Amino acid sequence: MLAEAAGAASAPAPLALAAVAGWCEDRCADGVSLLLLERGEHTGVGVSGVWPLVPYGAVATRLLVCAGTGDTTVLGAVEPTGPGVLCEPVTPLDHNPAARITLNNAPIQVIESGECAGRRHRDARLRSFVAQVAELVGIASAANDAATEYAKLRVAFGRPIGAFQAIKHRLVDQRCAVEVGRALVNRAADACQQQHPDAAALVSLAAYWGIDALRAVPEGATQVFGGIAYTWEHDAHVHLRRAASAAGNLGQRAYHRDIVTRWLTGRYPVDQPGGDG
């Protein structure tokens, strides 16, 4: 709920990302703690790796990194100002203080090691995706609500534009996309909390819907607003930028689609040609 509210308000804060890092570390901390979603390399001396775009990375005060494989996996904290750490500010579409982070044998304060470290990082990564989709639900909902209110007030040919079929059908379809997204987020969050075996697939289903459907809602809202949405003074571009950035943080659309496809075909196998079924 908080992630969705943050998205609806276009809050310039890493609320969801910091909450996931806190869950992963099992502690509350001052400052901005961020979880690096991709694994790094454990060199024995420290950890190494490159993360090209880390949202709010330029203002992070603590980085949680998972590196290595199997029994050599470690999960720990790295100081952004410590040795072997390079944070280069970058400017994403929504203008959050992101950074390209490079670690070169950076010292790490180990929190967990072995298989448990990999499992905790994997669970935190799933929760990060759920939080990102929840924020995307909030962004899409706010954009569609604003467009709906505008459609009641803007008059063309003597009638509110919301009375025209093309406009009202677009707004209803977008509202449906938001409600489906909200339901998928709730189901995925519940699966993560209950450690359900289908949690990863349900998270990918929500992420796929976010990339495929929710990202398009602010674009449709911009079409309803018309020319006024293309001005810098209007809020439409804020929703559009935030949605594009949030969807980008969810990873590749094809990756989530493949996970969902394998999950569904496993649950509902297709009869082979020539079979008895």
Protein backbone atom coordinates (compact mmCIF):
# COMPACT_ATOMS: atom_id res chain seq x y z
CA MET A 1 0.00 0.00 0.00
CA LEU A 2 2.81 2.42 0.85
CA ALA A 3 4.61 1.69 -2.40
CA GLU A 4 1.42 2.29 -4.37
CA ALA A 5 0.78 5.53 -2.49
CA ALA A 6 4.35 6.68 -3.16
CA GLY A 7 3.84 6.01 -6.86
CA ALA A 8 0.52 7.86 -6.94
CA ALA A 9 2.09 10.89 -5.25
CA SER A 10 5.21 10.72 -7.47
CA ALA A 11 7.20 10.87 -4.25
CA PRO A 12 10.90 11.46 -5.04
CA ALA A 13 12.07 8.91 -2.49
CA PRO A 14 13.29 5.28 -2.68
CA LEU A 15 10.63 4.08 -0.26
CA ALA A 16 10.14 0.62 -1.75
CA LEU A 17 13.82 0.05 -2.52
CA ALA A 18 14.95 1.04 0.97
CA ALA A 19 12.23 -1.13 2.55
CA VAL A 20 13.44 -4.17 0.60
CA ALA A 21 17.02 -3.53 1.68
CA GLY A 22 15.87 -3.26 5.29
CA TRP A 23 14.00 -6.57 4.99
CA CYS A 24 17.06 -8.24 3.46
CA GLU A 25 19.35 -6.94 6.19
CA ASP A 26 16.73 -7.49 8.90
CA ARG A 27 17.44 -4.13 10.46
CA CYS A 28 16.38 -0.50 10.40
CA ALA A 29 19.08 1.96 9.44
CA ASP A 30 19.55 5.68 9.00
CA GLY A 31 20.20 6.97 5.53
CA VAL A 32 19.44 5.22 2.24
CA SER A 33 20.20 1.50 2.04
CA LEU A 34 19.85 -0.09 -1.40
CA LEU A 35 19.89 -3.69 -2.57
CA LEU A 36 21.85 -4.41 -5.75
CA LEU A 37 19.62 -6.85 -7.62
CA GLU A 38 22.25 -8.57 -9.77
CA ARG A 39 25.00 -10.68 -8.23
CA GLY A 40 28.60 -9.61 -8.18
CA GLU A 41 31.83 -11.61 -8.11
CA HIS A 42 33.34 -12.75 -4.83
CA THR A 43 37.12 -12.53 -5.20
CA GLY A 44 38.09 -13.64 -1.70
CA VAL A 45 39.60 -10.21 -1.02
CA GLY A 46 36.29 -8.43 -1.57
CA VAL A 47 33.50 -8.13 -4.10
CA SER A 48 33.59 -6.86 -7.67
CA GLY A 49 31.04 -6.06 -10.33
CA VAL A 50 29.37 -3.36 -12.39
CA TRP A 51 25.76 -2.20 -12.01
CA PRO A 52 25.08 0.24 -14.90
CA LEU A 53 21.96 1.86 -13.42
CA VAL A 54 21.07 1.83 -9.74
CA PRO A 55 18.05 4.03 -8.92
CA TYR A 56 18.94 6.52 -6.15
CA GLY A 57 22.45 5.09 -6.14
CA ALA A 58 24.02 8.55 -6.04
CA VAL A 59 22.51 9.21 -2.60
CA ALA A 60 22.91 5.71 -1.14
CA THR A 61 24.65 5.47 2.22
CA ARG A 62 24.80 1.66 2.27
CA LEU A 63 24.81 -0.98 -0.46
CA LEU A 64 23.71 -4.58 0.01
CA VAL A 65 25.56 -6.88 -2.34
CA CYS A 66 25.30 -10.61 -3.04
CA ALA A 67 28.35 -12.16 -4.69
CA GLY A 68 29.65 -15.60 -5.54
CA THR A 69 27.90 -18.91 -6.18
CA GLY A 70 27.05 -22.01 -4.16
CA ASP A 71 28.88 -22.36 -0.85
CA THR A 72 31.07 -19.35 -1.64
CA THR A 73 28.08 -16.98 -1.83
CA VAL A 74 28.19 -14.01 0.51
CA LEU A 75 25.61 -11.34 1.27
CA GLY A 76 26.82 -8.21 2.94
CA ALA A 77 27.05 -4.44 3.15
CA VAL A 78 29.44 -2.20 1.25
CA GLU A 79 30.09 1.44 2.07
CA PRO A 80 29.57 3.62 -1.05
CA THR A 81 32.45 5.89 0.01
CA GLY A 82 34.79 3.02 0.85
CA PRO A 83 37.83 1.81 -1.09
CA GLY A 84 37.19 0.02 -4.35
CA VAL A 85 33.80 1.68 -4.87
CA LEU A 86 33.07 4.06 -7.73
CA CYS A 87 29.66 5.78 -7.96
CA GLU A 88 29.16 7.75 -11.15
CA PRO A 89 25.95 9.84 -11.27
CA VAL A 90 23.67 9.21 -14.24
CA THR A 91 20.37 10.82 -15.20
CA PRO A 92 17.53 8.40 -15.99
CA LEU A 93 14.25 9.40 -17.62
CA ASP A 94 12.55 10.30 -14.33
CA HIS A 95 15.58 12.31 -13.14
CA ASN A 96 16.08 10.38 -9.89
CA PRO A 97 19.64 10.56 -8.47
CA ALA A 98 20.74 7.27 -10.01
CA ALA A 99 24.30 6.06 -10.38
CA ARG A 100 26.50 3.59 -12.20
CA ILE A 101 28.19 1.60 -9.45
CA THR A 102 31.48 -0.22 -9.95
CA LEU A 103 33.04 -2.40 -7.26
CA ASN A 104 36.65 -3.48 -7.53
CA ASN A 105 37.62 -5.79 -4.66
CA ALA A 106 35.55 -3.61 -2.34
CA PRO A 107 35.57 -4.74 1.29
CA ILE A 108 32.28 -6.27 2.41
CA GLN A 109 30.75 -6.64 5.85
CA VAL A 110 29.30 -10.14 5.60
CA ILE A 111 25.74 -10.60 6.85
CA GLU A 112 25.11 -14.13 5.57
CA SER A 113 27.10 -16.72 3.66
CA GLY A 114 26.54 -19.95 1.75
CA GLU A 115 23.19 -21.15 0.41
CA CYS A 116 21.30 -19.05 2.96
CA ALA A 117 22.84 -15.88 1.54
CA GLY A 118 21.72 -16.72 -1.98
CA ARG A 119 18.23 -17.62 -0.79
CA ARG A 120 17.83 -14.39 1.16
CA HIS A 121 19.02 -12.31 -1.78
CA ARG A 122 16.66 -14.15 -4.14
CA ASP A 123 13.70 -13.55 -1.81
CA ALA A 124 14.62 -9.88 -1.44
CA ARG A 125 14.88 -9.56 -5.22
CA LEU A 126 11.35 -10.94 -5.61
CA ARG A 127 10.07 -8.47 -3.03
CA SER A 128 11.81 -5.66 -4.88
CA PHE A 129 9.95 -6.55 -8.07
CA VAL A 130 6.63 -6.67 -6.19
CA ALA A 131 7.30 -3.24 -4.67
CA GLN A 132 8.23 -1.81 -8.08
CA VAL A 133 5.01 -3.10 -9.64
CA ALA A 134 3.02 -1.73 -6.69
CA GLU A 135 4.58 1.67 -7.30
CA LEU A 136 3.74 1.33 -10.99
CA VAL A 137 0.12 0.59 -10.05
CA GLY A 138 0.06 3.86 -8.10
CA ILE A 139 1.57 5.82 -10.98
CA ALA A 140 -0.88 4.36 -13.50
CA SER A 141 -3.84 4.90 -11.19
CA ALA A 142 -2.96 8.55 -10.57
CA ALA A 143 -2.48 9.20 -14.28
CA ASN A 144 -5.78 7.60 -15.23
CA ASP A 145 -7.70 9.35 -12.43
CA ALA A 146 -6.33 12.71 -13.56
CA ALA A 147 -7.28 11.98 -17.17
CA THR A 148 -10.77 10.91 -16.12
CA GLU A 149 -11.35 14.15 -14.22
CA TYR A 150 -10.05 16.16 -17.17
CA ALA A 151 -12.38 14.29 -19.54
CA LYS A 152 -15.34 15.46 -17.43
CA LEU A 153 -14.32 19.12 -17.74
CA ARG A 154 -12.85 19.49 -21.21
CA VAL A 155 -15.56 20.36 -23.72
CA ALA A 156 -15.39 19.72 -27.45
CA PHE A 157 -18.25 20.10 -29.95
CA GLY A 158 -20.50 21.19 -27.10
CA ARG A 159 -19.98 18.01 -25.00
CA PRO A 160 -17.45 16.85 -22.39
CA ILE A 161 -14.87 14.73 -24.19
CA GLY A 162 -15.57 11.92 -21.71
CA ALA A 163 -18.94 11.45 -23.42
CA PHE A 164 -17.22 10.33 -26.61
CA GLN A 165 -16.91 6.60 -26.99
CA ALA A 166 -13.23 6.56 -27.94
CA ILE A 167 -12.29 8.49 -24.79
CA LYS A 168 -14.44 6.65 -22.29
CA HIS A 169 -13.48 3.22 -23.64
CA ARG A 170 -9.79 4.13 -23.32
CA LEU A 171 -10.26 5.28 -19.72
CA VAL A 172 -12.23 2.17 -18.77
CA ASP A 173 -9.64 -0.14 -20.34
CA GLN A 174 -6.90 1.67 -18.46
CA ARG A 175 -8.81 1.38 -15.21
CA CYS A 176 -9.14 -2.36 -15.84
CA ALA A 177 -5.37 -2.61 -16.36
CA VAL A 178 -4.81 -0.86 -13.02
CA GLU A 179 -7.20 -3.15 -11.13
CA VAL A 180 -5.69 -6.30 -12.65
CA GLY A 181 -2.23 -5.02 -11.73
CA ARG A 182 -3.33 -4.35 -8.16
CA ALA A 183 -4.75 -7.88 -7.85
CA LEU A 184 -1.55 -9.42 -9.24
CA VAL A 185 0.58 -7.41 -6.80
CA ASN A 186 -1.54 -8.53 -3.85
CA ARG A 187 -1.31 -12.18 -4.91
CA ALA A 188 2.45 -12.00 -5.50
CA ALA A 189 3.06 -10.24 -2.19
CA ASP A 190 1.02 -12.85 -0.34
CA ALA A 191 2.96 -15.66 -2.07
CA CYS A 192 6.28 -14.11 -1.05
CA GLN A 193 5.15 -13.66 2.54
CA GLN A 194 3.87 -17.25 2.74
CA GLN A 195 6.96 -18.61 0.91
CA HIS A 196 4.69 -20.27 -1.62
CA PRO A 197 6.49 -22.46 -4.19
CA ASP A 198 4.86 -20.45 -7.00
CA ALA A 199 6.07 -17.12 -5.63
CA ALA A 200 8.70 -16.52 -8.33
CA ALA A 201 6.19 -17.22 -11.12
CA LEU A 202 3.53 -15.00 -9.55
CA VAL A 203 6.03 -12.17 -9.15
CA SER A 204 7.04 -12.51 -12.81
CA LEU A 205 3.37 -12.48 -13.80
CA ALA A 206 2.90 -9.18 -11.95
CA ALA A 207 6.13 -7.78 -13.43
CA TYR A 208 5.11 -8.79 -16.94
CA TRP A 209 1.76 -7.04 -16.49
CA GLY A 210 3.54 -3.97 -15.21
CA ILE A 211 5.84 -3.80 -18.22
CA ASP A 212 3.17 -4.76 -20.75
CA ALA A 213 0.02 -2.99 -19.50
CA LEU A 214 0.64 -0.58 -16.62
CA ARG A 215 3.44 1.27 -18.38
CA ALA A 216 1.01 2.11 -21.20
CA VAL A 217 -1.57 3.75 -18.92
CA PRO A 218 0.21 7.13 -18.53
CA GLU A 219 0.76 7.10 -22.30
CA GLY A 220 -3.00 6.71 -22.82
CA ALA A 221 -3.68 9.41 -20.25
CA THR A 222 -1.41 11.75 -22.19
CA GLN A 223 -3.51 11.13 -25.28
CA VAL A 224 -6.67 12.08 -23.36
CA PHE A 225 -5.10 15.32 -22.14
CA GLY A 226 -4.10 16.23 -25.66
CA GLY A 227 -1.74 19.12 -26.35
CA ILE A 228 -1.69 20.41 -22.78
CA ALA A 229 0.05 17.18 -21.67
CA TYR A 230 3.08 18.06 -23.79
CA THR A 231 3.82 21.19 -21.79
CA TRP A 232 6.45 21.15 -19.07
CA GLU A 233 4.02 22.74 -16.59
CA HIS A 234 1.58 19.82 -16.73
CA ASP A 235 1.97 16.75 -14.49
CA ALA A 236 1.36 14.24 -17.29
CA HIS A 237 5.05 13.99 -18.19
CA VAL A 238 5.88 13.19 -14.55
CA HIS A 239 3.68 10.09 -14.59
CA LEU A 240 4.99 9.14 -18.02
CA ARG A 241 8.63 9.38 -16.95
CA ARG A 242 8.10 7.61 -13.64
CA ALA A 243 6.21 4.75 -15.30
CA ALA A 244 8.89 4.25 -17.95
CA SER A 245 11.65 4.22 -15.33
CA ALA A 246 9.76 1.88 -12.99
CA ALA A 247 9.04 -0.53 -15.83
CA GLY A 248 12.69 -0.44 -16.85
CA ASN A 249 13.72 -1.43 -13.33
CA LEU A 250 11.67 -4.63 -13.63
CA GLY A 251 14.07 -6.16 -16.12
CA GLN A 252 13.42 -7.75 -19.48
CA ARG A 253 9.85 -8.41 -20.58
CA ALA A 254 10.92 -11.65 -22.29
CA TYR A 255 12.53 -12.94 -19.08
CA HIS A 256 9.29 -12.67 -17.10
CA ARG A 257 7.23 -13.98 -20.00
CA ASP A 258 9.37 -17.13 -20.21
CA ILE A 259 9.03 -17.79 -16.47
CA VAL A 260 5.25 -17.39 -16.62
CA THR A 261 5.03 -19.57 -19.76
CA ARG A 262 6.97 -22.42 -18.14
CA TRP A 263 4.87 -22.14 -15.00
CA LEU A 264 1.57 -22.23 -16.87
CA THR A 265 2.57 -25.09 -19.16
CA GLY A 266 3.71 -27.03 -16.11
CA ARG A 267 0.33 -26.55 -14.46
CA TYR A 268 -1.71 -27.05 -17.61
CA PRO A 269 0.29 -29.29 -19.97
CA VAL A 270 -0.68 -29.18 -23.62
CA ASP A 271 -1.75 -32.53 -25.08
CA GLN A 272 0.79 -33.92 -27.51
CA PRO A 273 -0.37 -34.47 -31.12
CA GLY A 274 -1.52 -38.03 -31.60
CA GLY A 275 -1.88 -38.61 -27.86
CA ASP A 276 -4.85 -40.18 -26.15
CA GLY A 277 -5.77 -36.84 -24.48
